[in-house]
Amino acid sequence: MHWLILAVMLSAASAPPTPHSATKGAVTYYVRADGGSPSQCDGRSDIAYSKGVAKHACAWRHPFEALPPGGPARIAGGDTLIIGAGNYEMGRGAPGTQSLDTCRADWPWDCHMTPVPSGPSPDKPTRILGAGWNSGCASPPELWGTERAETVIDLRGSSNVEVACFEITDHSSCVEFHAGKHDVDRCERDKEPYGPWAGVGVSAADSGNV
């Protein structure tokens, strides 16, 4: 398994997330592998998508539906996003990316989640959580980068945020800037398909209280 580089520049030390009182007006959204697109589901119910679901009350199918590449985010500062069990391809080729300009074949590195909206205050953070985060996180959802995505989770400019209970990885053993003699060890950066790898697991800068 290829562990991604963790590039974090924060103004406050990271700490495990703790339960907090719901922000007034804040909304909890859900992602699950059997969810739907934003035109099919409003993301506010932990329910699978089906044609018979009433009033679009079902979960989204992928984290990109909440934080689409290129934005704008469909969640607001202080909201909670709970991502269900399973593995989610994070990059070009993921559900909903086919029509996005930020996920085009000649520019796939921008095909990653838009930055998480900042929470209104340290005690009212925006929360991005894997299902089971509050019960030991026995089976964290896998977010795996692909097709040379620049990053998997983007916290650049994001403050007052909690992130918990994920496995962040990719599905390649390549090294992006490998200096050895064997090309098989070097990640493809020059032409598609780039392969199932991403550059960075978590990117953060100008961020506090994360």
C-alpha atoms as a PDB file:
ATOM      1  CA  MET A   1       0.000   0.000   0.000  1.00  0.00           C
ATOM      2  CA  HIS A   2       1.305   3.427  -0.928  1.00  0.00           C
ATOM      3  CA  TRP A   3       1.089   5.926   1.933  1.00  0.00           C
ATOM      4  CA  LEU A   4       0.625   9.451   0.663  1.00  0.00           C
ATOM      5  CA  ILE A   5       2.684  12.419   1.776  1.00  0.00           C
ATOM      6  CA  LEU A   6       0.977  14.318   4.592  1.00  0.00           C
ATOM      7  CA  ALA A   7       1.552  18.015   3.906  1.00  0.00           C
ATOM      8  CA  VAL A   8       0.141  20.023   6.777  1.00  0.00           C
ATOM      9  CA  MET A   9       0.940  23.587   7.823  1.00  0.00           C
ATOM     10  CA  LEU A  10      -1.396  24.527  10.644  1.00  0.00           C
ATOM     11  CA  SER A  11      -1.357  27.247  13.253  1.00  0.00           C
ATOM     12  CA  ALA A  12      -2.798  24.942  15.906  1.00  0.00           C
ATOM     13  CA  ALA A  13      -1.979  21.397  16.927  1.00  0.00           C
ATOM     14  CA  SER A  14      -4.311  18.678  15.689  1.00  0.00           C
ATOM     15  CA  ALA A  15      -6.436  16.854  18.245  1.00  0.00           C
ATOM     16  CA  PRO A  16      -9.033  14.071  18.087  1.00  0.00           C
ATOM     17  CA  PRO A  17     -12.518  15.390  17.377  1.00  0.00           C
ATOM     18  CA  THR A  18     -14.873  15.625  20.316  1.00  0.00           C
ATOM     19  CA  PRO A  19     -18.666  15.798  20.323  1.00  0.00           C
ATOM     20  CA  HIS A  20     -20.035  19.306  20.449  1.00  0.00           C
ATOM     21  CA  SER A  21     -23.390  20.997  20.539  1.00  0.00           C
ATOM     22  CA  ALA A  22     -24.937  21.388  17.121  1.00  0.00           C
ATOM     23  CA  THR A  23     -24.461  24.789  15.595  1.00  0.00           C
ATOM     24  CA  LYS A  24     -27.722  26.662  15.362  1.00  0.00           C
ATOM     25  CA  GLY A  25     -28.921  26.248  11.815  1.00  0.00           C
ATOM     26  CA  ALA A  26     -26.194  23.697  11.013  1.00  0.00           C
ATOM     27  CA  VAL A  27     -27.119  20.696   8.879  1.00  0.00           C
ATOM     28  CA  THR A  28     -25.861  17.114   8.905  1.00  0.00           C
ATOM     29  CA  TYR A  29     -25.293  15.602   5.462  1.00  0.00           C
ATOM     30  CA  TYR A  30     -24.609  12.002   4.498  1.00  0.00           C
ATOM     31  CA  VAL A  31     -22.625  10.196   1.820  1.00  0.00           C
ATOM     32  CA  ARG A  32     -22.988   6.490   1.165  1.00  0.00           C
ATOM     33  CA  ALA A  33     -21.996   4.263  -1.745  1.00  0.00           C
ATOM     34  CA  ASP A  34     -25.629   3.538  -2.633  1.00  0.00           C
ATOM     35  CA  GLY A  35     -26.644   7.213  -2.527  1.00  0.00           C
ATOM     36  CA  GLY A  36     -27.588   9.448  -5.431  1.00  0.00           C
ATOM     37  CA  SER A  37     -26.531  12.572  -7.254  1.00  0.00           C
ATOM     38  CA  PRO A  38     -27.598  16.054  -6.073  1.00  0.00           C
ATOM     39  CA  SER A  39     -30.446  15.968  -8.572  1.00  0.00           C
ATOM     40  CA  GLN A  40     -31.660  12.736  -6.987  1.00  0.00           C
ATOM     41  CA  CYS A  41     -30.932  13.328  -3.293  1.00  0.00           C
ATOM     42  CA  ASP A  42     -30.618  16.285  -0.941  1.00  0.00           C
ATOM     43  CA  GLY A  43     -27.953  14.531   1.139  1.00  0.00           C
ATOM     44  CA  ARG A  44     -29.758  15.113   4.418  1.00  0.00           C
ATOM     45  CA  SER A  45     -30.867  11.547   5.160  1.00  0.00           C
ATOM     46  CA  ASP A  46     -28.780   8.431   5.743  1.00  0.00           C
ATOM     47  CA  ILE A  47     -30.879   6.498   3.253  1.00  0.00           C
ATOM     48  CA  ALA A  48     -29.987   4.808  -0.040  1.00  0.00           C
ATOM     49  CA  TYR A  49     -31.240   6.325  -3.266  1.00  0.00           C
ATOM     50  CA  SER A  50     -34.201   4.703  -4.966  1.00  0.00           C
ATOM     51  CA  LYS A  51     -36.738   5.976  -7.453  1.00  0.00           C
ATOM     52  CA  GLY A  52     -39.384   5.750  -4.769  1.00  0.00           C
ATOM     53  CA  VAL A  53     -37.615   7.858  -2.151  1.00  0.00           C
ATOM     54  CA  ALA A  54     -39.838  10.757  -1.090  1.00  0.00           C
ATOM     55  CA  LYS A  55     -38.781  14.363  -1.633  1.00  0.00           C
ATOM     56  CA  HIS A  56     -35.167  13.465  -2.474  1.00  0.00           C
ATOM     57  CA  ALA A  57     -34.632  12.438   1.180  1.00  0.00           C
ATOM     58  CA  CYS A  58     -31.535  10.306   0.647  1.00  0.00           C
ATOM     59  CA  ALA A  59     -27.750  10.413   0.916  1.00  0.00           C
ATOM     60  CA  TRP A  60     -25.296  11.580  -1.733  1.00  0.00           C
ATOM     61  CA  ARG A  61     -23.227   8.956  -3.528  1.00  0.00           C
ATOM     62  CA  HIS A  62     -19.743  10.473  -3.173  1.00  0.00           C
ATOM     63  CA  PRO A  63     -17.838  13.127  -1.160  1.00  0.00           C
ATOM     64  CA  PHE A  64     -17.496  15.161  -4.380  1.00  0.00           C
ATOM     65  CA  GLU A  65     -21.244  15.835  -4.251  1.00  0.00           C
ATOM     66  CA  ALA A  66     -20.718  17.737  -0.994  1.00  0.00           C
ATOM     67  CA  LEU A  67     -17.385  19.331  -1.916  1.00  0.00           C
ATOM     68  CA  PRO A  68     -17.269  19.302  -5.732  1.00  0.00           C
ATOM     69  CA  PRO A  69     -13.964  19.884  -7.537  1.00  0.00           C
ATOM     70  CA  GLY A  70     -13.834  23.549  -8.468  1.00  0.00           C
ATOM     71  CA  GLY A  71     -16.638  24.347  -5.995  1.00  0.00           C
ATOM     72  CA  PRO A  72     -18.777  25.832  -4.688  1.00  0.00           C
ATOM     73  CA  ALA A  73     -19.330  23.578  -1.681  1.00  0.00           C
ATOM     74  CA  ARG A  74     -22.832  22.244  -1.103  1.00  0.00           C
ATOM     75  CA  ILE A  75     -22.277  22.314   2.661  1.00  0.00           C
ATOM     76  CA  ALA A  76     -21.772  25.416   4.776  1.00  0.00           C
ATOM     77  CA  GLY A  77     -19.406  26.305   7.596  1.00  0.00           C
ATOM     78  CA  GLY A  78     -20.502  24.546  10.779  1.00  0.00           C
ATOM     79  CA  ASP A  79     -22.253  21.697   8.944  1.00  0.00           C
ATOM     80  CA  THR A  80     -21.366  18.014   9.421  1.00  0.00           C
ATOM     81  CA  LEU A  81     -20.675  15.568   6.600  1.00  0.00           C
ATOM     82  CA  ILE A  82     -20.736  11.872   7.530  1.00  0.00           C
ATOM     83  CA  ILE A  83     -19.270   9.536   4.915  1.00  0.00           C
ATOM     84  CA  GLY A  84     -20.431   5.936   5.019  1.00  0.00           C
ATOM     85  CA  ALA A  85     -18.454   2.718   4.861  1.00  0.00           C
ATOM     86  CA  GLY A  86     -16.747   1.691   1.639  1.00  0.00           C
ATOM     87  CA  ASN A  87     -14.066   3.053  -0.651  1.00  0.00           C
ATOM     88  CA  TYR A  88     -14.346   6.220  -2.682  1.00  0.00           C
ATOM     89  CA  GLU A  89     -12.278   7.019  -5.750  1.00  0.00           C
ATOM     90  CA  MET A  90     -10.991  10.593  -5.331  1.00  0.00           C
ATOM     91  CA  GLY A  91     -10.070  12.047  -8.684  1.00  0.00           C
ATOM     92  CA  ARG A  92     -10.932  11.973 -12.371  1.00  0.00           C
ATOM     93  CA  GLY A  93     -13.321   9.098 -13.074  1.00  0.00           C
ATOM     94  CA  ALA A  94     -15.217   9.398  -9.793  1.00  0.00           C
ATOM     95  CA  PRO A  95     -19.019   9.786  -9.995  1.00  0.00           C
ATOM     96  CA  GLY A  96     -20.061  13.195 -11.264  1.00  0.00           C
ATOM     97  CA  THR A  97     -16.650  14.222 -12.601  1.00  0.00           C
ATOM     98  CA  GLN A  98     -17.309  13.542 -16.275  1.00  0.00           C
ATOM     99  CA  SER A  99     -18.696  17.009 -16.999  1.00  0.00           C
ATOM    100  CA  LEU A 100     -16.464  19.040 -14.674  1.00  0.00           C
ATOM    101  CA  ASP A 101     -13.923  21.361 -16.272  1.00  0.00           C
ATOM    102  CA  THR A 102     -11.609  20.825 -13.294  1.00  0.00           C
ATOM    103  CA  CYS A 103     -11.551  17.085 -14.070  1.00  0.00           C
ATOM    104  CA  ARG A 104     -10.717  17.186 -17.758  1.00  0.00           C
ATOM    105  CA  ALA A 105      -8.195  14.747 -19.190  1.00  0.00           C
ATOM    106  CA  ASP A 106      -5.460  17.334 -19.764  1.00  0.00           C
ATOM    107  CA  TRP A 107      -5.732  18.835 -16.257  1.00  0.00           C
ATOM    108  CA  PRO A 108      -6.662  15.989 -13.868  1.00  0.00           C
ATOM    109  CA  TRP A 109      -4.616  17.184 -10.881  1.00  0.00           C
ATOM    110  CA  ASP A 110      -7.301  19.770 -10.042  1.00  0.00           C
ATOM    111  CA  CYS A 111      -9.900  17.013  -9.717  1.00  0.00           C
ATOM    112  CA  HIS A 112     -10.090  16.964  -5.920  1.00  0.00           C
ATOM    113  CA  MET A 113     -12.470  18.116  -3.213  1.00  0.00           C
ATOM    114  CA  THR A 114     -12.920  21.861  -2.979  1.00  0.00           C
ATOM    115  CA  PRO A 115     -11.567  23.255   0.326  1.00  0.00           C
ATOM    116  CA  VAL A 116     -13.686  22.499   3.380  1.00  0.00           C
ATOM    117  CA  PRO A 117     -15.673  25.604   4.421  1.00  0.00           C
ATOM    118  CA  SER A 118     -14.394  27.080   7.687  1.00  0.00           C
ATOM    119  CA  GLY A 119     -16.547  26.673  10.761  1.00  0.00           C
ATOM    120  CA  PRO A 120     -17.870  29.841  12.403  1.00  0.00           C
ATOM    121  CA  SER A 121     -15.775  29.348  15.583  1.00  0.00           C
ATOM    122  CA  PRO A 122     -13.503  26.783  17.274  1.00  0.00           C
ATOM    123  CA  ASP A 123     -16.434  25.342  19.228  1.00  0.00           C
ATOM    124  CA  LYS A 124     -18.652  25.207  16.127  1.00  0.00           C
ATOM    125  CA  PRO A 125     -16.427  23.500  13.564  1.00  0.00           C
ATOM    126  CA  THR A 126     -17.254  22.104  10.175  1.00  0.00           C
ATOM    127  CA  ARG A 127     -16.962  18.336  10.607  1.00  0.00           C
ATOM    128  CA  ILE A 128     -15.973  15.780   7.959  1.00  0.00           C
ATOM    129  CA  LEU A 129     -16.352  12.373   9.577  1.00  0.00           C
ATOM    130  CA  GLY A 130     -16.188   8.741   8.568  1.00  0.00           C
ATOM    131  CA  ALA A 131     -19.080   6.605   9.760  1.00  0.00           C
ATOM    132  CA  GLY A 132     -18.140   5.017  13.092  1.00  0.00           C
ATOM    133  CA  TRP A 133     -15.991   7.979  14.137  1.00  0.00           C
ATOM    134  CA  ASN A 134     -17.805   8.051  17.504  1.00  0.00           C
ATOM    135  CA  SER A 135     -17.677   4.292  18.171  1.00  0.00           C
ATOM    136  CA  GLY A 136     -14.045   3.337  17.742  1.00  0.00           C
ATOM    137  CA  CYS A 137     -13.722   3.722  13.959  1.00  0.00           C
ATOM    138  CA  ALA A 138     -13.371  -0.030  13.366  1.00  0.00           C
ATOM    139  CA  SER A 139     -13.855   0.191   9.579  1.00  0.00           C
ATOM    140  CA  PRO A 140     -12.923   3.671   8.357  1.00  0.00           C
ATOM    141  CA  PRO A 141     -14.089   4.679   4.872  1.00  0.00           C
ATOM    142  CA  GLU A 142     -11.259   4.655   2.352  1.00  0.00           C
ATOM    143  CA  LEU A 143     -10.618   7.800   0.327  1.00  0.00           C
ATOM    144  CA  TRP A 144      -8.150   6.840  -2.396  1.00  0.00           C
ATOM    145  CA  GLY A 145      -6.565   9.289  -4.772  1.00  0.00           C
ATOM    146  CA  THR A 146      -6.322   8.569  -8.470  1.00  0.00           C
ATOM    147  CA  GLU A 147      -5.275   9.997 -11.858  1.00  0.00           C
ATOM    148  CA  ARG A 148      -2.632  12.342 -10.422  1.00  0.00           C
ATOM    149  CA  ALA A 149      -5.045  14.255  -8.184  1.00  0.00           C
ATOM    150  CA  GLU A 150      -3.104  16.986  -6.381  1.00  0.00           C
ATOM    151  CA  THR A 151      -4.595  16.091  -3.011  1.00  0.00           C
ATOM    152  CA  VAL A 152      -7.340  14.008  -1.420  1.00  0.00           C
ATOM    153  CA  ILE A 153      -8.574  16.334   1.348  1.00  0.00           C
ATOM    154  CA  ASP A 154      -8.072  20.072   0.898  1.00  0.00           C
ATOM    155  CA  LEU A 155      -7.922  22.259   4.010  1.00  0.00           C
ATOM    156  CA  ARG A 156      -6.121  25.208   2.447  1.00  0.00           C
ATOM    157  CA  GLY A 157      -7.679  28.298   3.976  1.00  0.00           C
ATOM    158  CA  SER A 158      -9.928  26.142   6.166  1.00  0.00           C
ATOM    159  CA  SER A 159     -10.130  26.873   9.885  1.00  0.00           C
ATOM    160  CA  ASN A 160     -12.311  25.501  12.691  1.00  0.00           C
ATOM    161  CA  VAL A 161     -12.539  22.060  11.109  1.00  0.00           C
ATOM    162  CA  GLU A 162     -12.651  18.503  12.463  1.00  0.00           C
ATOM    163  CA  VAL A 163     -11.702  15.537  10.254  1.00  0.00           C
ATOM    164  CA  ALA A 164     -11.804  11.990  11.627  1.00  0.00           C
ATOM    165  CA  CYS A 165     -12.044   8.289  10.828  1.00  0.00           C
ATOM    166  CA  PHE A 166     -10.718   7.858   7.298  1.00  0.00           C
ATOM    167  CA  GLU A 167      -8.060   5.813   5.581  1.00  0.00           C
ATOM    168  CA  ILE A 168      -6.451   8.198   3.095  1.00  0.00           C
ATOM    169  CA  THR A 169      -4.330   6.415   0.509  1.00  0.00           C
ATOM    170  CA  ASP A 170      -4.053   5.478  -3.153  1.00  0.00           C
ATOM    171  CA  HIS A 171      -3.845   2.182  -5.060  1.00  0.00           C
ATOM    172  CA  SER A 172      -0.342   2.429  -6.517  1.00  0.00           C
ATOM    173  CA  SER A 173       3.143   1.671  -5.211  1.00  0.00           C
ATOM    174  CA  CYS A 174       4.738   4.277  -7.500  1.00  0.00           C
ATOM    175  CA  VAL A 175       6.819   7.223  -6.257  1.00  0.00           C
ATOM    176  CA  GLU A 176       5.980  10.582  -7.833  1.00  0.00           C
ATOM    177  CA  PHE A 177       9.516  11.925  -8.178  1.00  0.00           C
ATOM    178  CA  HIS A 178      11.448   8.684  -8.107  1.00  0.00           C
ATOM    179  CA  ALA A 179      15.110   9.226  -8.948  1.00  0.00           C
ATOM    180  CA  GLY A 180      16.012   5.607  -9.582  1.00  0.00           C
ATOM    181  CA  LYS A 181      16.849   3.918 -12.859  1.00  0.00           C
ATOM    182  CA  HIS A 182      13.686   1.826 -13.113  1.00  0.00           C
ATOM    183  CA  ASP A 183      10.719   3.645 -14.673  1.00  0.00           C
ATOM    184  CA  VAL A 184       8.352   1.049 -13.235  1.00  0.00           C
ATOM    185  CA  ASP A 185       8.802   2.724  -9.823  1.00  0.00           C
ATOM    186  CA  ARG A 186       8.075   6.249 -11.061  1.00  0.00           C
ATOM    187  CA  CYS A 187       4.504   7.642 -11.147  1.00  0.00           C
ATOM    188  CA  GLU A 188       3.245   8.640 -14.586  1.00  0.00           C
ATOM    189  CA  ARG A 189       3.065  12.436 -14.745  1.00  0.00           C
ATOM    190  CA  ASP A 190       3.248  13.174 -18.464  1.00  0.00           C
ATOM    191  CA  LYS A 191       0.341  11.443 -20.175  1.00  0.00           C
ATOM    192  CA  GLU A 192      -2.927   9.713 -19.378  1.00  0.00           C
ATOM    193  CA  PRO A 193      -3.815   7.334 -17.998  1.00  0.00           C
ATOM    194  CA  TYR A 194      -1.825   8.514 -15.009  1.00  0.00           C
ATOM    195  CA  GLY A 195      -2.850   5.605 -12.855  1.00  0.00           C
ATOM    196  CA  PRO A 196      -4.376   5.137  -9.395  1.00  0.00           C
ATOM    197  CA  TRP A 197      -2.169   7.558  -7.472  1.00  0.00           C
ATOM    198  CA  ALA A 198      -2.391  11.046  -5.966  1.00  0.00           C
ATOM    199  CA  GLY A 199       0.278  13.474  -4.827  1.00  0.00           C
ATOM    200  CA  VAL A 200      -0.784  14.362  -1.273  1.00  0.00           C
ATOM    201  CA  GLY A 201      -3.185  12.945   1.295  1.00  0.00           C
ATOM    202  CA  VAL A 202      -4.105  16.091   3.221  1.00  0.00           C
ATOM    203  CA  SER A 203      -3.153  19.634   2.163  1.00  0.00           C
ATOM    204  CA  ALA A 204      -3.494  22.541   4.575  1.00  0.00           C
ATOM    205  CA  ALA A 205      -2.166  26.081   4.784  1.00  0.00           C
ATOM    206  CA  ASP A 206      -3.423  29.289   6.394  1.00  0.00           C
ATOM    207  CA  SER A 207      -5.488  27.027   8.635  1.00  0.00           C
ATOM    208  CA  GLY A 208      -6.158  27.148  12.348  1.00  0.00           C
ATOM    209  CA  ASN A 209      -8.039  25.060  14.896  1.00  0.00           C
ATOM    210  CA  VAL A 210      -7.945  21.930  12.759  1.00  0.00           C
END
